[in-house]
Each structure stands twice: as C-alpha cells, then as structure tokens.
Amino acid sequence: MNRTSKIARIVVLALGLSLVPASAAFASGHRPPDRHHRISMKQARKTALHRVAGTVQGHELEYEKGRWIYSFEIHVKGEPRAQIHEVNVDARTGHIVDVSVENDSGEGGD
C-alpha cells in the first residue's frame, strides 16, 4: 500500500470517528436548536472569553446534560501549557453553565 493510500484511509477513518458523537445525539432525537433559536458561535466565544481571558484552543457545539452547549477550551497565558479552562455556554440562552480547569491527563479541578 502506498503512502497516499495510507493517508487517505487515515483521513476517512478520522472523519468517520468525528461524526460518531453527533450521530449519536441525532439518533437519540436531540437535534441542535436551529440558528433562529440559539446564539451564534461568535457570541458564545465572546461570552466565554469574558469569563476566562486567554486563547481558544478548541470549540464545539455539543449535547450535554440535557441541553445544547458551546464548549470552549481556553489556555490562559502564564499558566502551564497542559492546563486548559473549559467554558460551557448554553446555546439557547447564552448563559455560562459550567467552567472547569483540566490538565493534560483530563482530570478536572477548579
């Protein structure tokens, strides 16, 4: 198998695995609110960065604990690289619903 073929297989596998959480939410009947009934990612990001000033390392819209949330992973300058603040913003109301601090082992703390 040549290198291009291996890379193509890896890309297809990664894309397929990335859809598993979303497809599970849809299959259970939990569909994200349409754009008229939720705040934008941009608005949610601004709210999250107002609570924890730093650099957004990742973000997603996910169904968690019975509601749709925007989840932001934020690194704060001056803190260890492995320490990430996770800020969850309710996709409908724009209110912050949770803030936690995680290290590279995935352990939470505050």
Protein backbone atom coordinates (compact mmCIF):
# COMPACT_ATOMS: atom_id res chain seq x y z
CA MET A 1 0.00 0.00 0.00
CA ASN A 2 1.49 3.33 -0.98
CA ARG A 3 1.76 6.35 1.29
CA THR A 4 -1.09 8.29 -0.37
CA SER A 5 -3.44 5.36 0.12
CA LYS A 6 -2.49 5.09 3.82
CA ILE A 7 -3.09 8.81 4.35
CA ALA A 8 -6.46 8.60 2.58
CA ARG A 9 -7.53 5.72 4.84
CA ILE A 10 -6.48 7.63 7.96
CA VAL A 11 -8.41 10.73 6.84
CA VAL A 12 -11.55 8.70 6.11
CA LEU A 13 -11.30 6.92 9.48
CA ALA A 14 -10.78 10.22 11.34
CA LEU A 15 -13.77 11.82 9.61
CA GLY A 16 -15.95 8.82 10.36
CA LEU A 17 -14.98 8.78 14.03
CA SER A 18 -15.59 12.52 14.35
CA LEU A 19 -19.22 12.01 13.30
CA VAL A 20 -19.98 9.36 15.94
CA PRO A 21 -20.89 11.77 18.81
CA ALA A 22 -23.04 13.93 16.53
CA SER A 23 -24.82 10.94 15.01
CA ALA A 24 -25.50 9.52 18.48
CA ALA A 25 -27.14 12.81 19.53
CA PHE A 26 -29.26 12.92 16.36
CA ALA A 27 -30.25 9.25 16.69
CA SER A 28 -31.49 9.87 20.22
CA GLY A 29 -33.75 12.68 18.95
CA HIS A 30 -31.58 15.50 20.26
CA ARG A 31 -31.19 17.92 17.40
CA PRO A 32 -29.32 21.19 17.81
CA PRO A 33 -31.54 24.25 18.01
CA ASP A 34 -31.85 26.00 14.65
CA ARG A 35 -29.99 29.25 14.13
CA HIS A 36 -33.09 31.29 14.99
CA HIS A 37 -33.30 29.69 18.44
CA ARG A 38 -29.69 29.82 19.52
CA ILE A 39 -26.89 32.31 19.93
CA SER A 40 -24.05 32.27 17.42
CA MET A 41 -20.67 30.63 18.00
CA LYS A 42 -19.17 34.13 17.81
CA GLN A 43 -21.46 35.39 20.62
CA ALA A 44 -20.75 32.33 22.75
CA ARG A 45 -17.00 32.72 22.21
CA LYS A 46 -17.15 36.35 23.33
CA THR A 47 -19.04 35.30 26.49
CA ALA A 48 -16.53 32.53 27.25
CA LEU A 49 -13.53 34.83 26.77
CA HIS A 50 -15.16 37.44 29.00
CA ARG A 51 -15.21 34.83 31.80
CA VAL A 52 -11.74 33.36 31.09
CA ALA A 53 -9.35 35.64 29.20
CA GLY A 54 -6.98 33.63 27.03
CA THR A 55 -6.56 31.86 23.70
CA VAL A 56 -9.26 29.49 22.45
CA GLN A 57 -7.60 26.15 21.66
CA GLY A 58 -10.78 24.38 20.56
CA HIS A 59 -14.56 24.69 20.46
CA GLU A 60 -17.64 22.65 19.61
CA LEU A 61 -21.42 22.57 19.78
CA GLU A 62 -22.46 19.52 21.79
CA TYR A 63 -25.43 18.00 23.59
CA GLU A 64 -24.61 17.59 27.27
CA LYS A 65 -26.69 17.16 30.41
CA GLY A 66 -29.97 17.66 28.57
CA ARG A 67 -29.07 20.80 26.63
CA TRP A 68 -27.04 22.08 23.71
CA ILE A 69 -23.90 23.96 24.71
CA TYR A 70 -20.95 25.59 23.09
CA SER A 71 -17.82 24.23 24.74
CA PHE A 72 -14.59 26.25 24.59
CA GLU A 73 -11.12 25.08 25.61
CA ILE A 74 -9.09 28.12 26.62
CA HIS A 75 -5.41 28.41 27.51
CA VAL A 76 -4.52 31.29 29.82
CA LYS A 77 -1.15 32.97 29.20
CA GLY A 78 1.28 32.34 32.04
CA GLU A 79 -0.32 29.04 33.08
CA PRO A 80 1.18 25.62 32.31
CA ARG A 81 0.59 24.59 28.67
CA ALA A 82 -1.19 21.43 29.82
CA GLN A 83 -3.73 23.41 31.84
CA ILE A 84 -6.92 24.18 29.91
CA HIS A 85 -10.03 26.01 31.08
CA GLU A 86 -13.26 24.59 29.68
CA VAL A 87 -16.10 27.09 29.50
CA ASN A 88 -19.58 25.85 28.55
CA VAL A 89 -22.14 28.34 27.23
CA ASP A 90 -25.83 27.43 26.82
CA ALA A 91 -26.58 27.58 23.09
CA ARG A 92 -30.12 28.93 23.61
CA THR A 93 -29.69 31.44 26.42
CA GLY A 94 -26.03 32.46 26.12
CA HIS A 95 -25.51 31.91 29.85
CA ILE A 96 -22.38 30.22 31.16
CA VAL A 97 -23.39 26.85 32.59
CA ASP A 98 -20.00 25.49 33.68
CA VAL A 99 -16.34 26.44 34.00
CA SER A 100 -13.69 23.87 34.82
CA VAL A 101 -9.92 23.50 34.65
CA GLU A 102 -8.32 20.40 33.19
CA ASN A 103 -4.75 19.26 32.82
CA ASP A 104 -3.35 17.04 30.06
CA SER A 105 -4.45 13.88 31.88
CA GLY A 106 -8.10 15.01 31.55
CA GLU A 107 -8.56 15.45 35.29
CA GLY A 108 -10.81 18.30 36.30
CA GLY A 109 -10.34 20.76 39.08
CA ASP A 110 -11.09 24.35 39.91
